[in-house]
Protein backbone atom coordinates (compact mmCIF):
# COMPACT_ATOMS: atom_id res chain seq x y z
CA MET A 1 4.46 -10.68 6.28
CA ILE A 2 6.61 -7.60 6.79
CA GLU A 3 4.84 -4.49 8.16
CA VAL A 4 6.34 -1.23 6.93
CA TYR A 5 5.39 2.28 8.08
CA THR A 6 6.70 5.19 6.03
CA ASP A 7 6.56 8.95 6.42
CA GLY A 8 8.09 11.95 4.74
CA ALA A 9 8.46 15.39 6.24
CA SER A 10 9.74 18.76 5.12
CA ARG A 11 10.46 22.06 6.82
CA GLY A 12 8.98 24.40 4.29
CA ASN A 13 7.25 23.19 1.17
CA PRO A 14 9.67 22.72 -0.49
CA GLY A 15 12.31 22.69 2.21
CA LEU A 16 14.74 20.45 4.04
CA SER A 17 13.20 16.99 3.97
CA GLY A 18 13.55 13.59 5.54
CA ALA A 19 12.14 10.09 5.26
CA GLY A 20 11.28 7.81 8.15
CA VAL A 21 10.86 4.06 7.84
CA PHE A 22 9.70 1.79 10.66
CA ILE A 23 9.63 -1.95 9.95
CA ARG A 24 8.18 -4.80 11.99
CA ALA A 25 9.52 -8.15 10.86
CA ASN A 26 9.66 -11.46 12.71
CA LYS A 27 8.98 -9.80 16.10
CA THR A 28 11.85 -7.36 15.56
CA ASN A 29 11.60 -3.61 14.94
CA TYR A 30 13.88 -1.72 12.56
CA GLU A 31 14.16 2.08 12.33
CA TYR A 32 15.63 4.20 9.55
CA ALA A 33 15.95 7.95 9.04
CA PHE A 34 17.13 9.40 5.71
CA PRO A 35 17.90 13.08 5.04
CA LEU A 36 16.58 13.91 1.56
CA GLY A 37 17.66 17.48 0.84
CA ASN A 38 15.19 20.07 -0.49
CA LEU A 39 11.89 18.50 -1.53
CA SER A 40 8.18 19.09 -1.17
CA ASN A 41 6.35 17.18 1.53
CA HIS A 42 4.67 14.93 -1.06
CA GLU A 43 8.00 14.16 -2.74
CA ALA A 44 9.46 13.21 0.67
CA GLU A 45 6.51 10.85 1.21
CA PHE A 46 7.21 9.09 -2.11
CA HIS A 47 10.93 8.87 -1.33
CA ALA A 48 10.12 7.27 2.03
CA VAL A 49 8.28 4.45 0.23
CA ILE A 50 11.18 4.03 -2.21
CA LYS A 51 13.74 3.88 0.62
CA ALA A 52 11.61 1.32 2.44
CA LEU A 53 11.32 -0.85 -0.67
CA GLU A 54 15.10 -0.70 -1.16
CA ILE A 55 15.62 -1.78 2.47
CA CYS A 56 13.14 -4.64 2.11
CA LYS A 57 14.73 -5.79 -1.15
CA GLU A 58 18.06 -6.14 0.69
CA ALA A 59 16.86 -7.39 4.09
CA PHE A 60 13.64 -9.29 3.30
CA PRO A 61 13.80 -10.60 -0.29
CA GLY A 62 10.77 -12.56 -1.45
CA GLU A 63 8.61 -11.57 1.53
CA ILE A 64 5.04 -10.24 1.43
CA LEU A 65 5.08 -6.50 2.15
CA SER A 66 2.31 -4.58 3.86
CA PHE A 67 3.04 -0.84 3.74
CA ARG A 68 1.24 1.90 5.65
CA SER A 69 1.41 5.62 4.97
CA ASP A 70 -0.51 8.67 6.18
CA SER A 71 -0.13 10.32 2.76
CA ARG A 72 -3.32 10.01 0.72
CA ALA A 73 -1.45 11.37 -2.33
CA VAL A 74 1.07 8.53 -2.18
CA VAL A 75 -1.38 5.76 -1.35
CA ASP A 76 -3.89 6.85 -4.01
CA THR A 77 -1.17 7.19 -6.67
CA ILE A 78 0.25 3.73 -5.93
CA GLU A 79 -3.16 2.06 -5.67
CA LYS A 80 -4.37 3.59 -8.94
CA ASP A 81 -0.92 3.10 -10.50
CA PHE A 82 -1.39 6.47 -12.19
CA THR A 83 -0.50 10.13 -11.82
CA ARG A 84 -0.70 13.17 -14.05
CA ASN A 85 1.88 14.94 -11.91
CA ASN A 86 5.19 15.07 -13.81
CA THR A 87 7.14 15.30 -10.55
CA PHE A 88 5.52 12.17 -9.11
CA LEU A 89 5.68 10.06 -12.29
CA PRO A 90 9.37 9.03 -12.05
CA LEU A 91 8.84 8.29 -8.34
CA LEU A 92 5.85 6.06 -9.15
CA GLU A 93 7.92 4.29 -11.83
CA LYS A 94 10.68 3.63 -9.29
CA ILE A 95 8.13 2.27 -6.80
CA ARG A 96 6.69 -0.03 -9.50
CA LYS A 97 10.17 -1.33 -10.33
CA GLU A 98 11.14 -1.95 -6.69
CA ALA A 99 7.76 -3.50 -5.77
CA ASN A 100 8.06 -6.00 -8.64
CA ALA A 101 10.81 -7.76 -6.67
CA PHE A 102 8.17 -9.02 -4.21
CA PRO A 103 5.37 -11.56 -4.62
CA TYR A 104 2.87 -9.20 -2.96
CA PHE A 105 3.07 -5.51 -2.15
CA PHE A 106 0.16 -3.81 -0.41
CA ILE A 107 -0.16 -0.21 0.70
CA LYS A 108 -2.83 1.17 2.98
CA TRP A 109 -3.63 4.68 4.17
CA ILE A 110 -3.59 5.18 7.95
CA PRO A 111 -4.31 8.27 10.06
CA GLU A 112 -1.32 10.34 11.22
CA LYS A 113 -1.82 9.26 14.84
CA GLN A 114 -1.12 5.64 13.82
CA ASN A 115 2.11 6.65 12.07
CA LYS A 116 3.88 8.54 14.86
CA HIS A 117 6.97 6.36 14.88
CA ALA A 118 7.74 6.89 11.17
CA ASP A 119 6.93 10.59 11.56
CA LYS A 120 9.43 10.91 14.41
CA LEU A 121 12.10 9.24 12.25
CA ALA A 122 11.35 11.53 9.28
CA ARG A 123 11.71 14.62 11.50
CA ALA A 124 14.94 13.23 12.97
CA ALA A 125 16.25 12.82 9.41
CA ILE A 126 15.66 16.53 8.75
CA ASP A 127 17.62 17.37 11.90
CA MET A 128 20.51 15.22 10.64
CA SER A 129 20.95 17.53 7.66
CA VAL A 130 20.87 20.81 9.61
């Protein structure tokens, strides 16, 4: 099982944004930081999950994925597989499409203090675009 921690951050809401992805796989850690341009914080959180799924599709095809995020909006939307928010809908559709490449995809909400590594990467991604 691949453990994936994701976080999105923005300076301003909307503002310069970044995505952080921290992956634990086979006793090895992987870190990724992606500048995202101007987005809301929630949008950045969704994009972090999408980026992580794209990485896993390339690096860990066919594995079981266990995602963790400190964004209730993202976790609730994915778990319910529903949103009324027109901004989030295409992001949810992209997540559905990417997640279908895996036999199992789980996502769980965690408190911010348990997601510090991904948060640090998301903030570093913002700094990359300044």
